[in-house]
Amino acid sequence: MQVSHILFVDSPVGAGFSFSRELRGYDVGDISSTLHLYDFLIKWFSDHPEFLTNPFYIGGDSYAGKIAPFLAQIISEGIEAGSRKLPNLKVSGYLVGNPGTGEIIDYTSRVPYAHGVGIISDQLYETILWHCQGQDFFNPSNALCAQALNTFNNVRTAHNFF
């Protein structure tokens, strides 16, 4: 019989049911959140060493799509450097679901996606490409690009596709 074990962690502090007893605990960012997760894993595996030899995967959804690879890197670098904190951890990989990659990239990718799945017309797509000329769509620098993106946002909002 095969068994799987899954450990879910609300991160950063303040997400889901996680909390801090001190105000400074809510001072979070990508680096501090990742280091908090790393510290948590060190403590958890210290209390549960029987799981150290199991294949270990790190997963993250949405914004945690930035955190999961970073956490995997920190753990792997520690193992390679000979750290005794997680010496036998069998990091097997990481996975991300609908990862956040950054506002500009995420926002700019919406136009080709909407066109590719038929939500916006060829005409609107070509208009955006023509007027925006390779700029990111998050901060348009000319009025015609901004107007075309406004039309796109109206369509996007009406269809509520993301």
C-alpha atoms as a PDB file:
ATOM      1  CA  MET A   1       0.000   0.000   0.000  1.00  0.00           C
ATOM      2  CA  GLN A   2       1.345   3.435  -0.911  1.00  0.00           C
ATOM      3  CA  VAL A   3       0.782   6.416   1.342  1.00  0.00           C
ATOM      4  CA  SER A   4       1.226  10.117   0.718  1.00  0.00           C
ATOM      5  CA  HIS A   5       1.678  12.834   3.274  1.00  0.00           C
ATOM      6  CA  ILE A   6       0.781  16.439   2.546  1.00  0.00           C
ATOM      7  CA  LEU A   7       1.628  19.405   4.719  1.00  0.00           C
ATOM      8  CA  PHE A   8      -0.220  22.645   3.960  1.00  0.00           C
ATOM      9  CA  VAL A   9       1.241  25.895   5.289  1.00  0.00           C
ATOM     10  CA  ASP A  10      -0.543  29.252   5.160  1.00  0.00           C
ATOM     11  CA  SER A  11       2.026  31.755   4.033  1.00  0.00           C
ATOM     12  CA  PRO A  12       2.829  34.581   4.363  1.00  0.00           C
ATOM     13  CA  VAL A  13       1.793  35.307   7.914  1.00  0.00           C
ATOM     14  CA  GLY A  14      -1.717  36.738   7.825  1.00  0.00           C
ATOM     15  CA  ALA A  15      -2.854  34.592   4.892  1.00  0.00           C
ATOM     16  CA  GLY A  16      -5.551  32.021   5.574  1.00  0.00           C
ATOM     17  CA  PHE A  17      -5.578  31.080   9.246  1.00  0.00           C
ATOM     18  CA  SER A  18      -1.958  31.991   9.990  1.00  0.00           C
ATOM     19  CA  PHE A  19      -1.204  34.760  12.448  1.00  0.00           C
ATOM     20  CA  SER A  20       1.522  36.342  14.510  1.00  0.00           C
ATOM     21  CA  ARG A  21       1.394  37.303  18.149  1.00  0.00           C
ATOM     22  CA  GLU A  22       3.633  40.285  17.407  1.00  0.00           C
ATOM     23  CA  LEU A  23       3.050  43.148  14.983  1.00  0.00           C
ATOM     24  CA  ARG A  24       6.509  42.712  13.455  1.00  0.00           C
ATOM     25  CA  GLY A  25       5.445  39.203  12.410  1.00  0.00           C
ATOM     26  CA  TYR A  26       3.248  40.771   9.735  1.00  0.00           C
ATOM     27  CA  ASP A  27       6.192  42.547   8.110  1.00  0.00           C
ATOM     28  CA  VAL A  28       6.373  40.196   5.142  1.00  0.00           C
ATOM     29  CA  GLY A  29       7.947  40.141   1.709  1.00  0.00           C
ATOM     30  CA  ASP A  30       9.163  37.486  -0.705  1.00  0.00           C
ATOM     31  CA  ILE A  31      12.500  36.975   1.031  1.00  0.00           C
ATOM     32  CA  SER A  32      11.238  37.067   4.616  1.00  0.00           C
ATOM     33  CA  SER A  33       8.274  34.808   3.784  1.00  0.00           C
ATOM     34  CA  THR A  34      10.553  32.275   2.126  1.00  0.00           C
ATOM     35  CA  LEU A  35      12.968  32.341   5.057  1.00  0.00           C
ATOM     36  CA  HIS A  36      10.043  31.871   7.479  1.00  0.00           C
ATOM     37  CA  LEU A  37       8.993  28.794   5.493  1.00  0.00           C
ATOM     38  CA  TYR A  38      12.557  27.486   5.541  1.00  0.00           C
ATOM     39  CA  ASP A  39      12.749  27.960   9.327  1.00  0.00           C
ATOM     40  CA  PHE A  40       9.391  26.237   9.694  1.00  0.00           C
ATOM     41  CA  LEU A  41      10.580  23.247   7.653  1.00  0.00           C
ATOM     42  CA  ILE A  42      13.759  22.944   9.717  1.00  0.00           C
ATOM     43  CA  LYS A  43      11.695  22.874  12.916  1.00  0.00           C
ATOM     44  CA  TRP A  44       9.057  20.549  11.468  1.00  0.00           C
ATOM     45  CA  PHE A  45      11.580  18.013  10.167  1.00  0.00           C
ATOM     46  CA  SER A  46      13.463  18.210  13.485  1.00  0.00           C
ATOM     47  CA  ASP A  47      10.256  17.148  15.212  1.00  0.00           C
ATOM     48  CA  HIS A  48       9.387  14.577  12.517  1.00  0.00           C
ATOM     49  CA  PRO A  49      12.700  13.130  11.236  1.00  0.00           C
ATOM     50  CA  GLU A  50      10.975   9.987   9.980  1.00  0.00           C
ATOM     51  CA  PHE A  51       9.789  12.031   6.969  1.00  0.00           C
ATOM     52  CA  LEU A  52      13.256  13.233   5.921  1.00  0.00           C
ATOM     53  CA  THR A  53      13.844  10.290   3.605  1.00  0.00           C
ATOM     54  CA  ASN A  54      10.516  10.627   1.765  1.00  0.00           C
ATOM     55  CA  PRO A  55      10.488  12.380  -1.621  1.00  0.00           C
ATOM     56  CA  PHE A  56       9.756  16.045  -0.890  1.00  0.00           C
ATOM     57  CA  TYR A  57       7.943  18.371  -3.276  1.00  0.00           C
ATOM     58  CA  ILE A  58       7.232  22.057  -2.759  1.00  0.00           C
ATOM     59  CA  GLY A  59       4.075  23.496  -4.266  1.00  0.00           C
ATOM     60  CA  GLY A  60       2.676  26.980  -4.578  1.00  0.00           C
ATOM     61  CA  ASP A  61      -0.363  28.526  -6.213  1.00  0.00           C
ATOM     62  CA  SER A  62      -0.874  32.048  -7.512  1.00  0.00           C
ATOM     63  CA  TYR A  63       1.570  34.444  -5.811  1.00  0.00           C
ATOM     64  CA  ALA A  64       3.225  31.481  -4.070  1.00  0.00           C
ATOM     65  CA  GLY A  65       4.419  30.567  -7.557  1.00  0.00           C
ATOM     66  CA  LYS A  66       7.223  33.029  -6.803  1.00  0.00           C
ATOM     67  CA  ILE A  67       7.934  31.573  -3.373  1.00  0.00           C
ATOM     68  CA  ALA A  68       8.024  27.821  -4.171  1.00  0.00           C
ATOM     69  CA  PRO A  69      11.021  27.953  -6.556  1.00  0.00           C
ATOM     70  CA  PHE A  70      12.876  30.295  -4.203  1.00  0.00           C
ATOM     71  CA  LEU A  71      12.287  27.964  -1.249  1.00  0.00           C
ATOM     72  CA  ALA A  72      13.459  24.978  -3.314  1.00  0.00           C
ATOM     73  CA  GLN A  73      16.610  26.920  -4.212  1.00  0.00           C
ATOM     74  CA  ILE A  74      17.373  27.845  -0.587  1.00  0.00           C
ATOM     75  CA  ILE A  75      16.902  24.245   0.553  1.00  0.00           C
ATOM     76  CA  SER A  76      19.014  22.856  -2.310  1.00  0.00           C
ATOM     77  CA  GLU A  77      21.803  25.378  -1.753  1.00  0.00           C
ATOM     78  CA  GLY A  78      21.853  24.482   1.940  1.00  0.00           C
ATOM     79  CA  ILE A  79      22.102  20.775   1.168  1.00  0.00           C
ATOM     80  CA  GLU A  80      24.872  21.351  -1.395  1.00  0.00           C
ATOM     81  CA  ALA A  81      26.794  23.532   1.065  1.00  0.00           C
ATOM     82  CA  GLY A  82      26.688  20.739   3.634  1.00  0.00           C
ATOM     83  CA  SER A  83      24.235  22.414   5.992  1.00  0.00           C
ATOM     84  CA  ARG A  84      23.208  20.151   8.837  1.00  0.00           C
ATOM     85  CA  LYS A  85      19.790  21.788   9.049  1.00  0.00           C
ATOM     86  CA  LEU A  86      18.103  19.509   6.486  1.00  0.00           C
ATOM     87  CA  PRO A  87      20.913  17.125   5.507  1.00  0.00           C
ATOM     88  CA  ASN A  88      18.842  14.137   4.378  1.00  0.00           C
ATOM     89  CA  LEU A  89      15.872  15.916   2.847  1.00  0.00           C
ATOM     90  CA  LYS A  90      15.079  14.385  -0.543  1.00  0.00           C
ATOM     91  CA  VAL A  91      13.972  17.429  -2.539  1.00  0.00           C
ATOM     92  CA  SER A  92      12.379  15.890  -5.620  1.00  0.00           C
ATOM     93  CA  GLY A  93      10.953  18.990  -7.254  1.00  0.00           C
ATOM     94  CA  TYR A  94       8.556  21.862  -7.052  1.00  0.00           C
ATOM     95  CA  LEU A  95       5.289  22.681  -8.746  1.00  0.00           C
ATOM     96  CA  VAL A  96       3.390  25.887  -9.279  1.00  0.00           C
ATOM     97  CA  GLY A  97      -0.238  26.399 -10.215  1.00  0.00           C
ATOM     98  CA  ASN A  98      -1.287  29.544 -12.027  1.00  0.00           C
ATOM     99  CA  PRO A  99       1.852  31.251 -10.739  1.00  0.00           C
ATOM    100  CA  GLY A 100       2.109  34.984 -10.290  1.00  0.00           C
ATOM    101  CA  THR A 101       5.199  36.185 -12.095  1.00  0.00           C
ATOM    102  CA  GLY A 102       4.878  39.934 -11.614  1.00  0.00           C
ATOM    103  CA  GLU A 103       2.271  42.547 -12.469  1.00  0.00           C
ATOM    104  CA  ILE A 104       3.752  43.631 -15.788  1.00  0.00           C
ATOM    105  CA  ILE A 105       4.236  40.107 -17.137  1.00  0.00           C
ATOM    106  CA  ASP A 106       0.932  38.827 -15.754  1.00  0.00           C
ATOM    107  CA  TYR A 107      -1.042  41.790 -17.049  1.00  0.00           C
ATOM    108  CA  THR A 108       0.646  41.895 -20.453  1.00  0.00           C
ATOM    109  CA  SER A 109       0.001  38.175 -21.016  1.00  0.00           C
ATOM    110  CA  ARG A 110      -3.762  38.685 -20.732  1.00  0.00           C
ATOM    111  CA  VAL A 111      -4.109  40.207 -24.211  1.00  0.00           C
ATOM    112  CA  PRO A 112      -2.565  37.324 -26.200  1.00  0.00           C
ATOM    113  CA  TYR A 113      -4.370  34.833 -23.965  1.00  0.00           C
ATOM    114  CA  ALA A 114      -7.748  36.492 -24.525  1.00  0.00           C
ATOM    115  CA  HIS A 115      -7.104  36.558 -28.267  1.00  0.00           C
ATOM    116  CA  GLY A 116      -5.866  32.973 -28.341  1.00  0.00           C
ATOM    117  CA  VAL A 117      -9.024  31.631 -26.702  1.00  0.00           C
ATOM    118  CA  GLY A 118     -11.345  33.812 -28.791  1.00  0.00           C
ATOM    119  CA  ILE A 119     -12.496  36.260 -26.124  1.00  0.00           C
ATOM    120  CA  ILE A 120     -11.325  39.301 -28.076  1.00  0.00           C
ATOM    121  CA  SER A 121     -11.565  39.780 -31.814  1.00  0.00           C
ATOM    122  CA  ASP A 122      -8.685  39.768 -34.262  1.00  0.00           C
ATOM    123  CA  GLN A 123      -9.465  43.442 -34.873  1.00  0.00           C
ATOM    124  CA  LEU A 124      -9.098  44.448 -31.204  1.00  0.00           C
ATOM    125  CA  TYR A 125      -5.973  42.321 -30.849  1.00  0.00           C
ATOM    126  CA  GLU A 126      -4.343  43.909 -33.910  1.00  0.00           C
ATOM    127  CA  THR A 127      -5.370  47.393 -32.717  1.00  0.00           C
ATOM    128  CA  ILE A 128      -3.693  46.812 -29.359  1.00  0.00           C
ATOM    129  CA  LEU A 129      -0.532  45.483 -30.998  1.00  0.00           C
ATOM    130  CA  TRP A 130      -0.419  48.381 -33.477  1.00  0.00           C
ATOM    131  CA  HIS A 131      -0.948  51.176 -30.947  1.00  0.00           C
ATOM    132  CA  CYS A 132       1.085  49.698 -28.105  1.00  0.00           C
ATOM    133  CA  GLN A 133       4.083  48.706 -30.274  1.00  0.00           C
ATOM    134  CA  GLY A 134       5.657  46.209 -27.869  1.00  0.00           C
ATOM    135  CA  GLN A 135       5.167  48.257 -24.684  1.00  0.00           C
ATOM    136  CA  ASP A 136       4.002  46.504 -21.591  1.00  0.00           C
ATOM    137  CA  PHE A 137       0.242  46.776 -21.279  1.00  0.00           C
ATOM    138  CA  PHE A 138       0.387  47.662 -17.590  1.00  0.00           C
ATOM    139  CA  ASN A 139       1.724  51.202 -18.107  1.00  0.00           C
ATOM    140  CA  PRO A 140       0.768  52.391 -21.613  1.00  0.00           C
ATOM    141  CA  SER A 141       2.740  55.439 -22.708  1.00  0.00           C
ATOM    142  CA  ASN A 142       0.424  56.807 -25.389  1.00  0.00           C
ATOM    143  CA  ALA A 143      -3.264  57.661 -25.535  1.00  0.00           C
ATOM    144  CA  LEU A 144      -4.162  55.313 -28.409  1.00  0.00           C
ATOM    145  CA  CYS A 145      -2.604  52.350 -26.613  1.00  0.00           C
ATOM    146  CA  ALA A 146      -4.413  53.311 -23.395  1.00  0.00           C
ATOM    147  CA  GLN A 147      -7.711  53.617 -25.284  1.00  0.00           C
ATOM    148  CA  ALA A 148      -7.293  50.188 -26.929  1.00  0.00           C
ATOM    149  CA  LEU A 149      -6.435  48.640 -23.556  1.00  0.00           C
ATOM    150  CA  ASN A 150      -9.469  50.319 -21.997  1.00  0.00           C
ATOM    151  CA  THR A 151     -11.641  48.609 -24.622  1.00  0.00           C
ATOM    152  CA  PHE A 152      -9.894  45.324 -23.814  1.00  0.00           C
ATOM    153  CA  ASN A 153     -10.521  45.816 -20.081  1.00  0.00           C
ATOM    154  CA  ASN A 154     -14.212  46.452 -20.720  1.00  0.00           C
ATOM    155  CA  VAL A 155     -14.449  43.162 -22.635  1.00  0.00           C
ATOM    156  CA  ARG A 156     -12.392  41.365 -19.987  1.00  0.00           C
ATOM    157  CA  THR A 157     -14.579  42.671 -17.172  1.00  0.00           C
ATOM    158  CA  ALA A 158     -17.787  41.772 -19.025  1.00  0.00           C
ATOM    159  CA  HIS A 159     -16.571  38.185 -19.467  1.00  0.00           C
ATOM    160  CA  ASN A 160     -14.958  37.978 -16.005  1.00  0.00           C
ATOM    161  CA  PHE A 161     -12.356  35.527 -17.243  1.00  0.00           C
ATOM    162  CA  PHE A 162      -9.643  36.558 -14.759  1.00  0.00           C
END
